[in-house]
């Protein structure tokens, strides 16, 4: 009964996301199908191709496109062997395991030079000609110019907002009067250390800001449908195995679904991406030891191995660390150490990756990042907070993709390794950005890029209570790879 409710919820959510409602008869018809989501998508495609004036999908719409007739819907069949699936995926790790820095000034200068140049190239795709900041002084009164700058500081006065910016040639302060409400609103979503494009007008000795724009994602971007069987990637994160708050029974329900789910989705899952904080670790935050069920990291990994052993062998697992794994704190992070890899690999085949990493899965590009820097973004955005994450997660993820950088703010709690190249710049757009860390589930689309946070498998901790975080517990995000349709599945 609980499983049927979950299927119905997924079908209703998919229909609503596409702008339709399901009648009770249509829902019953789909629940009896072996491929309910596929039949629903076929019905929606049929309605759109025929330009039918339909808001509520009826059973007739389902039966018209389904290969099964109403009197020929087969009864549940015994389990049959799933045909072997040839996995097609590759992992692009963003940093070498042994990446090191000396901490010199030159290293930081090279890092920011790389960040600026790479993001400026993205801005230049707009076809705008930028002048160096050093040439701004040559502008005549009333003349305008575009510049690509890094935002270093923001100061509010009684009448305006001032942005202190620089590029490789010098610095400049630009002024946005409060009377330009739209411009000031746009500025409020700009983070410190972001690289943005600005258009300024010289008025006397002052540079008045006329426009600000981010690298962003081009509008009208379409994701083509792939000619392939219905295949799913399952996205999870933040299991925190070893914590007293780990919801082991709920996670077992998830594992049972992967093995024995009869809804047409579980059997088609071929990839499981674990986006960090698989284990709870030790000494991550003050007072953590009071909330630990397993106080040894190796034992936490052994417990994780026993659970992951139950993931069906036809599913490839891709796993990167988060801030609770025993790896360096600064991002990009290497994969977990070899001794922990051996523990997990003794139970089943695993694919270990850096944080962040890119995976090409069945010709779809996934950018997977645990999301440590989301903390600073939440604290920087106006009207965003941990207590309102339920409505703010989408805005937080959109901020990341607009900035085209996984950790725009430098020098706060999130430590960033100043390598020669800034690997956190999103040069190539992914089909999907997968984050975790903040324990709130969300799945939205922005200009053709799917933005996902996969929630958590840990009840609210004392630290989260202090922050006001109400976690999403027992959630996974399913991605159908041929269409890139996504939906959230609740196991709690």
Protein backbone atom coordinates (compact mmCIF):
# COMPACT_ATOMS: atom_id res chain seq x y z
CA UNK A 1 0.00 0.00 0.00
CA UNK A 2 2.83 2.43 0.89
CA UNK A 3 4.58 1.61 -2.39
CA UNK A 4 1.39 2.33 -4.39
CA UNK A 5 1.10 5.70 -2.69
CA UNK A 6 4.68 6.51 -3.66
CA UNK A 7 4.03 5.59 -7.31
CA UNK A 8 0.85 7.70 -7.38
CA UNK A 9 2.71 10.65 -5.88
CA UNK A 10 5.45 10.42 -8.54
CA UNK A 11 2.87 10.26 -11.36
CA UNK A 12 0.89 13.21 -10.02
CA UNK A 13 4.08 15.26 -9.55
CA UNK A 14 5.24 14.48 -13.11
CA UNK A 15 1.86 15.49 -14.58
CA UNK A 16 1.77 18.74 -12.60
CA UNK A 17 5.32 19.58 -13.66
CA UNK A 18 4.21 19.27 -17.29
CA UNK A 19 1.11 21.43 -16.70
CA UNK A 20 -1.59 18.72 -16.42
CA UNK A 21 -3.75 17.01 -13.84
CA UNK A 22 -4.61 13.31 -13.64
CA UNK A 23 -8.16 12.02 -13.29
CA UNK A 24 -8.77 9.22 -10.81
CA UNK A 25 -9.38 6.75 -13.64
CA UNK A 26 -6.16 7.79 -15.40
CA UNK A 27 -4.19 7.30 -12.18
CA UNK A 28 -5.69 3.84 -11.67
CA UNK A 29 -4.88 2.94 -15.28
CA UNK A 30 -1.26 4.04 -14.89
CA UNK A 31 -0.82 2.19 -11.58
CA UNK A 32 -1.81 -1.03 -13.35
CA UNK A 33 0.78 -0.50 -16.08
CA UNK A 34 4.23 -2.07 -16.02
CA UNK A 35 5.68 1.22 -17.32
CA UNK A 36 3.57 3.95 -15.70
CA UNK A 37 5.93 6.90 -16.19
CA UNK A 38 6.65 5.96 -19.79
CA UNK A 39 2.91 5.69 -20.54
CA UNK A 40 2.24 9.05 -18.89
CA UNK A 41 4.96 10.71 -20.97
CA UNK A 42 3.57 9.11 -24.14
CA UNK A 43 0.12 10.46 -23.32
CA UNK A 44 1.48 13.97 -22.71
CA UNK A 45 3.48 13.88 -25.97
CA UNK A 46 0.37 12.68 -27.83
CA UNK A 47 -1.78 15.47 -26.37
CA UNK A 48 0.77 18.09 -27.37
CA UNK A 49 1.30 16.73 -30.89
CA UNK A 50 -2.47 16.74 -31.48
CA UNK A 51 -2.77 20.24 -29.92
CA UNK A 52 -5.60 18.93 -27.74
CA UNK A 53 -7.21 21.44 -25.39
CA UNK A 54 -6.66 19.26 -22.34
CA UNK A 55 -5.94 20.12 -18.73
CA UNK A 56 -7.04 16.88 -17.07
CA UNK A 57 -5.57 13.67 -18.49
CA UNK A 58 -8.22 10.93 -18.61
CA UNK A 59 -7.85 7.14 -18.79
CA UNK A 60 -8.69 7.27 -22.50
CA UNK A 61 -5.62 9.39 -23.19
CA UNK A 62 -3.46 6.75 -21.46
CA UNK A 63 -5.06 3.79 -23.22
CA UNK A 64 -4.80 5.48 -26.61
CA UNK A 65 -1.00 5.43 -26.49
CA UNK A 66 -0.43 2.42 -24.25
CA UNK A 67 0.44 -0.89 -25.82
CA UNK A 68 -1.82 -2.55 -23.25
CA UNK A 69 -5.60 -2.62 -23.71
CA UNK A 70 -7.86 -2.06 -20.70
CA UNK A 71 -8.96 -5.69 -20.64
CA UNK A 72 -5.48 -6.99 -21.29
CA UNK A 73 -3.53 -5.48 -18.43
CA UNK A 74 -1.48 -8.42 -17.18
CA UNK A 75 -1.49 -9.46 -13.56
CA UNK A 76 1.77 -9.08 -11.62
CA UNK A 77 4.33 -11.46 -13.06
CA UNK A 78 7.04 -13.38 -11.25
CA UNK A 79 10.42 -11.72 -11.09
CA UNK A 80 12.32 -12.16 -14.35
CA UNK A 81 15.98 -11.64 -15.02
CA UNK A 82 16.69 -8.04 -16.03
CA UNK A 83 18.48 -7.94 -19.40
CA UNK A 84 22.10 -6.91 -18.97
CA UNK A 85 22.74 -3.20 -19.49
CA UNK A 86 26.02 -2.08 -21.00
CA UNK A 87 27.04 0.88 -18.86
CA UNK A 88 28.44 3.88 -20.69
CA UNK A 89 29.97 6.36 -18.28
CA UNK A 90 33.23 8.08 -17.47
CA UNK A 91 34.45 10.19 -14.58
CA UNK A 92 36.44 13.40 -14.98
CA UNK A 93 38.20 14.09 -11.69
CA UNK A 94 38.97 17.77 -11.24
CA UNK A 95 42.14 17.51 -9.17
CA UNK A 96 44.99 15.05 -8.67
CA UNK A 97 45.06 13.06 -5.43
CA UNK A 98 48.40 14.63 -4.49
CA UNK A 99 47.58 18.28 -5.32
CA UNK A 100 49.51 20.54 -2.96
CA UNK A 101 50.22 24.24 -2.47
CA UNK A 102 53.00 26.13 -0.67
CA UNK A 103 50.75 28.99 0.46
CA UNK A 104 52.70 31.69 -1.38
CA UNK A 105 51.29 35.00 -2.59
CA UNK A 106 52.09 34.01 -6.17
CA UNK A 107 49.85 30.93 -5.88
CA UNK A 108 46.88 33.05 -4.81
CA UNK A 109 47.56 35.55 -7.60
CA UNK A 110 47.68 32.76 -10.22
CA UNK A 111 44.46 31.29 -8.85
CA UNK A 112 42.49 34.53 -9.08
CA UNK A 113 44.02 35.29 -12.48
CA UNK A 114 42.70 31.91 -13.69
CA UNK A 115 39.24 32.57 -12.19
CA UNK A 116 39.01 36.01 -13.79
CA UNK A 117 40.19 34.94 -17.25
CA UNK A 118 37.93 31.89 -17.45
CA UNK A 119 34.83 33.77 -16.34
CA UNK A 120 35.62 36.75 -18.55
CA UNK A 121 35.67 34.38 -21.53
CA UNK A 122 32.14 33.31 -20.65
CA UNK A 123 31.03 36.94 -20.44
CA UNK A 124 32.61 37.68 -23.83
CA UNK A 125 30.25 35.18 -25.46
CA UNK A 126 27.61 37.90 -25.26
CA UNK A 127 29.48 39.75 -27.98
CA UNK A 128 30.24 42.70 -25.71
CA UNK A 129 33.54 44.56 -26.02
CA UNK A 130 35.12 45.18 -22.61
CA UNK A 131 37.65 47.88 -21.88
CA UNK A 132 40.27 47.45 -19.13
CA UNK A 133 39.44 49.19 -15.86
CA UNK A 134 42.62 51.24 -16.24
CA UNK A 135 41.12 52.91 -19.32
CA UNK A 136 37.95 54.03 -17.52
CA UNK A 137 39.64 57.30 -16.54
CA UNK A 138 39.82 58.21 -20.25
CA UNK A 139 36.04 58.16 -20.67
CA UNK A 140 34.52 61.55 -21.39
CA UNK A 141 31.67 62.97 -19.36
CA UNK A 142 28.47 61.14 -20.36
CA UNK A 143 30.34 58.38 -22.20
CA UNK A 144 29.58 54.71 -21.49
CA UNK A 145 31.69 51.56 -21.54
CA UNK A 146 31.57 47.87 -20.63
CA UNK A 147 34.03 46.23 -18.25
CA UNK A 148 34.52 42.69 -16.92
CA UNK A 149 35.29 42.97 -13.22
CA UNK A 150 35.58 41.00 -10.01
CA UNK A 151 33.37 42.38 -7.22
CA UNK A 152 35.55 43.00 -4.16
CA UNK A 153 33.18 44.85 -1.83
CA UNK A 154 29.68 46.27 -1.58
CA UNK A 155 28.87 49.40 0.45
CA UNK A 156 25.44 50.91 1.00
CA UNK A 157 24.87 54.60 1.68
CA UNK A 158 21.63 56.46 2.27
CA UNK A 159 21.18 57.04 -1.47
CA UNK A 160 23.03 54.32 -3.34
CA UNK A 161 24.89 51.03 -3.45
CA UNK A 162 28.58 51.19 -4.31
CA UNK A 163 30.48 48.27 -5.77
CA UNK A 164 34.23 48.19 -5.41
CA UNK A 165 35.58 46.19 -8.35
CA UNK A 166 38.84 45.38 -10.07
CA UNK A 167 40.36 43.55 -13.02
CA UNK A 168 43.93 42.72 -13.98
CA UNK A 169 44.72 46.40 -14.70
CA UNK A 170 43.26 48.31 -11.76
CA UNK A 171 40.26 49.00 -9.55
CA UNK A 172 37.10 51.09 -9.86
CA UNK A 173 34.14 52.05 -7.70
CA UNK A 174 30.75 52.20 -9.41
CA UNK A 175 27.55 53.66 -7.98
CA UNK A 176 23.99 52.39 -8.34
CA UNK A 177 21.37 54.90 -7.09
CA UNK A 178 18.51 53.42 -5.06
CA UNK A 179 16.01 55.05 -7.42
CA UNK A 180 16.98 52.45 -10.04
CA UNK A 181 15.11 49.69 -8.23
CA UNK A 182 15.59 46.95 -10.82
CA UNK A 183 19.33 47.51 -10.98
CA UNK A 184 19.65 47.53 -7.19
CA UNK A 185 17.61 44.32 -7.05
CA UNK A 186 20.00 42.70 -9.55
CA UNK A 187 22.99 43.82 -7.52
CA UNK A 188 21.55 42.22 -4.37
CA UNK A 189 22.05 38.77 -5.89
CA UNK A 190 25.69 39.44 -6.84
CA UNK A 191 28.14 37.78 -4.47
CA UNK A 192 31.56 39.02 -3.44
CA UNK A 193 34.41 37.68 -5.58
CA UNK A 194 32.05 37.06 -8.51
CA UNK A 195 33.21 38.05 -11.99
CA UNK A 196 30.48 40.05 -13.73
CA UNK A 197 29.99 42.35 -16.68
CA UNK A 198 29.09 45.98 -15.99
CA UNK A 199 28.08 48.95 -18.13
CA UNK A 200 28.95 52.31 -16.62
CA UNK A 201 28.46 55.97 -17.55
CA UNK A 202 30.88 58.64 -16.46
CA UNK A 203 29.19 61.58 -14.75
CA UNK A 204 31.83 64.04 -13.61
CA UNK A 205 34.27 62.04 -11.54
CA UNK A 206 31.70 59.33 -10.74
CA UNK A 207 30.99 56.11 -12.62
CA UNK A 208 27.25 55.41 -12.54
CA UNK A 209 26.31 51.79 -12.97
CA UNK A 210 23.82 51.27 -15.81
CA UNK A 211 23.75 47.49 -16.06
CA UNK A 212 25.22 44.41 -14.42
CA UNK A 213 25.14 40.90 -15.87
CA UNK A 214 26.50 37.49 -14.90
CA UNK A 215 28.05 34.72 -17.04
CA UNK A 216 24.73 32.88 -16.63
CA UNK A 217 23.15 30.32 -18.97
CA UNK A 218 21.95 31.29 -22.42
CA UNK A 219 18.16 31.30 -22.65
CA UNK A 220 16.41 28.92 -25.03
CA UNK A 221 18.87 26.10 -24.34
CA UNK A 222 17.24 22.79 -25.23
CA UNK A 223 18.17 19.32 -24.02
CA UNK A 224 17.66 16.86 -26.90
CA UNK A 225 15.97 13.56 -26.17
CA UNK A 226 18.25 10.55 -26.58
CA UNK A 227 17.20 7.46 -28.52
CA UNK A 228 17.70 4.91 -25.76
CA UNK A 229 15.63 2.70 -23.46
CA UNK A 230 14.16 4.21 -20.31
CA UNK A 231 17.12 4.32 -17.92
CA UNK A 232 17.54 6.05 -14.56
CA UNK A 233 20.27 7.57 -12.47
CA UNK A 234 19.46 7.77 -8.76
CA UNK A 235 20.95 10.71 -6.83
CA UNK A 236 21.42 10.68 -3.06
CA UNK A 237 23.72 12.31 -0.50
CA UNK A 238 24.26 12.90 3.20
CA UNK A 239 23.50 9.45 4.57
CA UNK A 240 25.76 10.13 7.60
CA UNK A 241 26.23 6.45 8.46
CA UNK A 242 27.62 6.24 11.98
CA UNK A 243 25.39 8.99 13.33
CA UNK A 244 22.69 8.19 15.87
CA UNK A 245 20.45 10.27 13.62
CA UNK A 246 21.04 8.06 10.54
CA UNK A 247 17.62 6.71 9.50
CA UNK A 248 18.71 3.12 8.95
CA UNK A 249 15.22 1.67 8.54
CA UNK A 250 14.33 4.28 5.93
CA UNK A 251 17.57 3.59 4.07
CA UNK A 252 16.78 -0.13 4.17
CA UNK A 253 13.42 0.69 2.55
CA UNK A 254 15.37 2.44 -0.21
CA UNK A 255 17.64 -0.59 -0.68
CA UNK A 256 14.62 -2.91 -0.76
CA UNK A 257 13.06 -0.72 -3.44
CA UNK A 258 16.22 -0.88 -5.57
CA UNK A 259 16.14 -4.67 -5.33
CA UNK A 260 12.46 -5.46 -5.51
CA UNK A 261 10.60 -2.34 -6.68
CA UNK A 262 7.78 -3.28 -9.06
CA UNK A 263 6.89 0.21 -10.29
CA UNK A 264 8.89 0.17 -13.53
CA UNK A 265 11.48 2.64 -12.22
CA UNK A 266 13.58 0.65 -9.74
CA UNK A 267 14.29 -2.04 -12.36
CA UNK A 268 15.61 0.61 -14.71
CA UNK A 269 18.02 2.28 -12.27
CA UNK A 270 21.53 1.73 -13.60
CA UNK A 271 23.52 4.41 -11.76
CA UNK A 272 23.61 5.51 -8.12
CA UNK A 273 25.46 8.76 -7.37
CA UNK A 274 26.36 9.36 -3.72
CA UNK A 275 27.24 13.04 -3.37
CA UNK A 276 29.27 13.13 -0.18
CA UNK A 277 28.83 12.60 3.58
CA UNK A 278 28.35 8.86 3.17
CA UNK A 279 29.67 8.55 6.73
CA UNK A 280 29.32 10.99 9.61
CA UNK A 281 33.03 11.14 10.35
CA UNK A 282 34.60 12.14 13.65
CA UNK A 283 35.39 15.60 15.05
CA UNK A 284 33.61 17.48 12.27
CA UNK A 285 31.75 19.90 14.54
CA UNK A 286 31.72 20.65 18.30
CA UNK A 287 29.78 18.11 20.33
CA UNK A 288 29.47 15.63 17.44
CA UNK A 289 30.69 12.75 19.61
CA UNK A 290 27.44 12.92 21.60
CA UNK A 291 25.48 12.12 18.44
CA UNK A 292 27.70 9.32 17.14
CA UNK A 293 26.53 5.73 17.15
CA UNK A 294 29.87 4.55 15.67
CA UNK A 295 32.89 6.52 16.93
CA UNK A 296 35.55 5.07 14.64
CA UNK A 297 35.71 6.22 11.00
CA UNK A 298 36.89 2.83 9.69
CA UNK A 299 33.96 1.17 11.43
CA UNK A 300 31.63 3.74 9.87
CA UNK A 301 32.94 2.77 6.43
CA UNK A 302 32.51 -0.93 7.27
CA UNK A 303 28.89 -0.26 8.19
CA UNK A 304 28.48 1.66 4.93
CA UNK A 305 30.03 -1.24 3.01
CA UNK A 306 27.53 -3.69 4.49
CA UNK A 307 24.65 -1.48 3.36
CA UNK A 308 26.02 -0.76 -0.12
CA UNK A 309 26.58 -4.50 -0.59
CA UNK A 310 22.78 -4.67 -0.97
CA UNK A 311 22.73 -2.35 -3.99
CA UNK A 312 22.06 -4.62 -7.01
CA UNK A 313 25.22 -5.47 -8.97
CA UNK A 314 23.80 -4.07 -12.23
CA UNK A 315 23.91 -0.56 -10.67
CA UNK A 316 27.14 1.40 -10.93
CA UNK A 317 27.91 3.49 -7.82
CA UNK A 318 29.76 6.80 -8.21
CA UNK A 319 30.85 8.33 -4.92
CA UNK A 320 32.63 11.54 -3.94
CA UNK A 321 33.47 12.88 -0.46
CA UNK A 322 31.87 15.75 1.41
CA UNK A 323 32.91 17.71 4.48
CA UNK A 324 32.32 14.74 6.84
CA UNK A 325 34.70 12.32 5.10
CA UNK A 326 38.32 12.07 6.36
CA UNK A 327 39.86 14.03 3.49
CA UNK A 328 41.30 17.54 3.38
CA UNK A 329 38.76 20.27 4.03
CA UNK A 330 39.76 22.54 1.15
CA UNK A 331 37.99 22.06 -2.18
CA UNK A 332 38.56 20.56 -4.68
CA UNK A 333 38.83 17.46 -2.49
CA UNK A 334 40.52 14.20 -3.55
CA UNK A 335 38.70 10.87 -3.38
CA UNK A 336 38.72 9.12 -0.01
CA UNK A 337 41.99 7.50 0.98
CA UNK A 338 42.96 4.08 -0.32
CA UNK A 339 42.44 2.33 3.02
CA UNK A 340 38.79 3.45 3.10
CA UNK A 341 38.34 2.60 -0.58
CA UNK A 342 39.46 -0.97 0.15
CA UNK A 343 36.78 -1.32 2.84
CA UNK A 344 33.99 -0.24 0.47
CA UNK A 345 35.40 -2.15 -2.50
CA UNK A 346 35.49 -5.36 -0.46
CA UNK A 347 31.68 -5.29 -0.49
CA UNK A 348 31.03 -4.35 -4.13
CA UNK A 349 32.43 -2.46 -7.10
CA UNK A 350 32.68 1.29 -6.49
CA UNK A 351 33.78 4.29 -8.56
CA UNK A 352 35.61 6.86 -6.42
CA UNK A 353 35.74 10.51 -7.46
CA UNK A 354 36.90 13.93 -6.39
CA UNK A 355 34.63 16.62 -5.00
CA UNK A 356 33.57 18.08 -7.35
CA UNK A 357 33.66 15.79 -10.38
CA UNK A 358 32.06 15.52 -13.78
CA UNK A 359 30.47 12.30 -14.98
CA UNK A 360 29.43 11.58 -18.55
CA UNK A 361 26.61 9.06 -18.15
CA UNK A 362 24.96 7.72 -21.30
CA UNK A 363 25.98 10.96 -23.10
CA UNK A 364 24.54 13.14 -20.31
CA UNK A 365 26.87 15.50 -18.46
CA UNK A 366 26.51 15.47 -14.66
CA UNK A 367 28.40 17.98 -12.49
CA UNK A 368 28.48 16.55 -8.97
CA UNK A 369 29.51 18.78 -6.06
CA UNK A 370 28.85 18.18 -2.38
CA UNK A 371 28.04 21.85 -1.86
CA UNK A 372 30.04 23.21 1.06
CA UNK A 373 29.94 26.74 -0.39
CA UNK A 374 26.14 26.76 -0.36
CA UNK A 375 26.40 27.85 3.28
CA UNK A 376 28.00 31.17 2.34
CA UNK A 377 25.53 31.72 -0.49
CA UNK A 378 22.56 31.20 1.86
CA UNK A 379 24.07 33.71 4.28
CA UNK A 380 24.75 36.25 1.52
CA UNK A 381 21.48 36.26 -0.43
CA UNK A 382 18.85 38.73 0.77
CA UNK A 383 15.87 37.13 2.51
CA UNK A 384 17.45 33.65 2.38
CA UNK A 385 18.10 31.66 5.53
CA UNK A 386 18.43 28.09 6.77
CA UNK A 387 14.96 28.30 8.30
CA UNK A 388 13.41 29.11 4.90
CA UNK A 389 15.42 26.61 2.85
CA UNK A 390 12.29 24.79 1.72
CA UNK A 391 11.50 27.73 -0.58
CA UNK A 392 15.05 29.02 -1.04
CA UNK A 393 16.97 25.95 -2.28
CA UNK A 394 16.06 26.64 -5.91
CA UNK A 395 17.26 30.23 -5.65
CA UNK A 396 20.52 29.12 -4.05
CA UNK A 397 21.24 26.61 -6.83
CA UNK A 398 20.25 29.12 -9.51
CA UNK A 399 22.75 31.57 -7.99
CA UNK A 400 25.53 29.00 -8.49
CA UNK A 401 24.71 28.32 -12.13
CA UNK A 402 24.26 32.02 -12.94
CA UNK A 403 27.68 32.76 -11.45
CA UNK A 404 29.11 29.76 -13.36
CA UNK A 405 31.20 29.03 -10.29
CA UNK A 406 30.71 26.40 -7.58
CA UNK A 407 32.18 28.54 -4.79
CA UNK A 408 32.11 32.22 -5.79
CA UNK A 409 32.85 33.64 -2.31
CA UNK A 410 36.48 33.29 -1.22
CA UNK A 411 37.89 33.48 2.30
CA UNK A 412 34.83 32.46 4.35
CA UNK A 413 34.18 29.10 6.03
CA UNK A 414 34.54 27.09 2.82
CA UNK A 415 38.24 26.56 2.26
CA UNK A 416 39.33 26.70 -1.38
CA UNK A 417 42.67 25.33 -2.55
CA UNK A 418 44.32 28.06 -4.70
CA UNK A 419 45.59 25.84 -7.48
CA UNK A 420 47.12 27.18 -10.68
CA UNK A 421 43.76 26.69 -12.44
CA UNK A 422 40.40 27.42 -10.84
CA UNK A 423 38.66 24.09 -11.37
CA UNK A 424 35.48 25.38 -9.72
CA UNK A 425 34.58 27.54 -12.73
CA UNK A 426 31.73 25.95 -14.70
CA UNK A 427 33.23 26.36 -18.19
CA UNK A 428 31.09 23.70 -19.84
CA UNK A 429 27.45 23.63 -18.86
CA UNK A 430 26.26 20.33 -17.43
CA UNK A 431 22.92 18.77 -18.20
CA UNK A 432 22.51 18.42 -14.44
CA UNK A 433 24.13 19.95 -11.35
CA UNK A 434 23.86 17.68 -8.30
CA UNK A 435 24.54 19.10 -4.83
CA UNK A 436 24.01 17.93 -1.27
CA UNK A 437 25.24 19.30 2.08
CA UNK A 438 22.25 21.47 3.06
CA UNK A 439 19.90 18.51 3.67
CA UNK A 440 16.92 19.98 1.76
CA UNK A 441 15.67 18.20 -1.34
CA UNK A 442 14.91 20.18 -4.51
CA UNK A 443 14.73 19.59 -8.24
CA UNK A 444 14.24 22.47 -10.66
CA UNK A 445 15.24 23.38 -14.20
CA UNK A 446 16.95 26.62 -15.22
CA UNK A 447 17.35 27.32 -18.94
CA UNK A 448 17.66 23.62 -19.70
CA UNK A 449 20.01 22.79 -16.81
CA UNK A 450 18.57 20.50 -14.13
CA UNK A 451 19.48 21.70 -10.64
CA UNK A 452 19.20 19.11 -7.87
CA UNK A 453 19.82 18.91 -4.17
CA UNK A 454 19.27 15.38 -3.01
CA UNK A 455 18.26 15.86 0.62
CA UNK A 456 19.51 13.61 3.43
CA UNK A 457 19.13 10.38 5.41
CA UNK A 458 19.78 11.91 8.80
CA UNK A 459 17.30 13.35 11.26
CA UNK A 460 17.76 16.88 12.54
CA UNK A 461 20.94 17.28 14.59
CA UNK A 462 21.42 19.67 17.50
CA UNK A 463 23.60 21.85 15.27
CA UNK A 464 20.86 22.01 12.64
CA UNK A 465 18.36 23.00 15.33
CA UNK A 466 20.54 25.99 16.15
CA UNK A 467 20.56 27.00 12.49
CA UNK A 468 16.85 26.36 12.00
CA UNK A 469 17.41 23.66 9.37
CA UNK A 470 14.45 21.31 8.87
CA UNK A 471 16.02 18.47 6.82
CA UNK A 472 14.35 16.50 4.04
CA UNK A 473 14.74 12.93 5.29
CA UNK A 474 14.81 9.77 3.17
CA UNK A 475 14.84 11.35 -0.27
CA UNK A 476 16.33 10.41 -3.63
CA UNK A 477 16.10 12.18 -6.97
CA UNK A 478 15.51 9.99 -10.02
CA UNK A 479 16.73 11.17 -13.41
CA UNK A 480 15.45 9.49 -16.58
CA UNK A 481 18.44 9.76 -18.89
CA UNK A 482 16.75 9.72 -22.30
CA UNK A 483 14.58 12.75 -21.47
CA UNK A 484 16.36 14.22 -18.40
CA UNK A 485 13.02 14.32 -16.61
CA UNK A 486 13.56 14.30 -12.86
CA UNK A 487 11.36 13.55 -9.90
CA UNK A 488 11.80 13.26 -6.15
CA UNK A 489 11.09 9.99 -4.41
CA UNK A 490 10.32 9.91 -0.70
CA UNK A 491 11.15 6.83 1.35
CA UNK A 492 10.51 8.26 4.81
